Amino acid sequence: MKTTTKNQYAYANKILIALVSAVFGYNLYQAIVHPDHSNIALSLILVVLTSIMVRKYGNKPTKEKQKDI
């Protein structure tokens, strides 16, 4: 019988990374095209916080365990 144990934060981290990447990309675009409308410092803080969270809780599922019957 094969059982898998996954990191419960892996899926949430993937969503968080995608969301932060989109926000950072948009603010980087605003900084280039419309510098008066950009808030790049706030985006950089969000990227740093996301990096800390992913390092703390991990991004990869744990190894699969096999149980022989």
Protein backbone atom coordinates (compact mmCIF):
# COMPACT_ATOMS: atom_id res chain seq x y z
CA MET A 1 0.00 0.00 0.00
CA LYS A 2 1.35 3.38 -0.90
CA THR A 3 0.67 6.43 1.22
CA THR A 4 1.81 9.98 0.62
CA THR A 5 2.43 12.64 3.20
CA LYS A 6 2.48 16.13 1.78
CA ASN A 7 3.56 19.39 3.29
CA GLN A 8 0.30 21.15 4.15
CA TYR A 9 1.78 24.53 3.22
CA ALA A 10 3.08 23.55 -0.24
CA TYR A 11 -0.15 24.44 -2.08
CA ALA A 12 -0.64 27.69 -0.16
CA ASN A 13 2.95 28.69 -0.85
CA LYS A 14 2.49 28.15 -4.59
CA ILE A 15 -0.60 30.38 -4.61
CA LEU A 16 1.18 33.00 -2.50
CA ILE A 17 4.17 33.02 -4.85
CA ALA A 18 1.94 33.44 -7.90
CA LEU A 19 -0.02 36.26 -6.30
CA VAL A 20 3.06 38.13 -5.11
CA SER A 21 4.72 37.69 -8.50
CA ALA A 22 1.70 39.20 -10.23
CA VAL A 23 1.57 42.18 -7.84
CA PHE A 24 5.32 42.75 -8.11
CA GLY A 25 5.20 42.50 -11.91
CA TYR A 26 2.38 45.02 -12.12
CA ASN A 27 4.16 47.46 -9.80
CA LEU A 28 7.41 47.04 -11.72
CA TYR A 29 5.51 47.86 -14.92
CA GLN A 30 4.02 50.94 -13.22
CA ALA A 31 7.49 52.02 -12.05
CA ILE A 32 8.77 51.87 -15.63
CA VAL A 33 5.78 53.33 -17.48
CA HIS A 34 4.14 55.62 -14.89
CA PRO A 35 6.64 56.34 -12.10
CA ASP A 36 4.23 58.67 -10.31
CA HIS A 37 1.67 55.82 -9.86
CA SER A 38 4.08 53.12 -8.68
CA ASN A 39 4.58 51.75 -5.20
CA ILE A 40 7.59 49.51 -5.73
CA ALA A 41 8.78 49.68 -2.10
CA LEU A 42 5.59 48.04 -0.86
CA SER A 43 5.98 45.30 -3.46
CA LEU A 44 9.57 44.64 -2.43
CA ILE A 45 8.45 44.26 1.20
CA LEU A 46 5.79 41.78 0.04
CA VAL A 47 8.39 39.79 -1.92
CA VAL A 48 10.71 39.63 1.10
CA LEU A 49 7.89 38.46 3.39
CA THR A 50 6.91 35.79 0.87
CA SER A 51 10.49 34.59 0.64
CA ILE A 52 10.68 34.30 4.43
CA MET A 53 7.41 32.36 4.61
CA VAL A 54 8.45 29.90 1.90
CA ARG A 55 11.80 29.29 3.57
CA LYS A 56 10.16 28.80 6.94
CA TYR A 57 7.35 26.46 5.89
CA GLY A 58 8.95 24.86 2.84
CA ASN A 59 7.78 24.59 -0.71
CA LYS A 60 8.28 20.91 -1.52
CA PRO A 61 6.17 17.96 -0.42
CA THR A 62 7.83 15.47 1.90
CA LYS A 63 9.09 12.12 0.62
CA GLU A 64 6.64 9.35 -0.10
CA LYS A 65 6.62 6.49 2.37
CA GLN A 66 5.91 2.91 1.44
CA LYS A 67 4.24 0.50 3.81
CA ASP A 68 4.47 -3.20 3.10
CA ILE A 69 1.54 -5.39 4.13
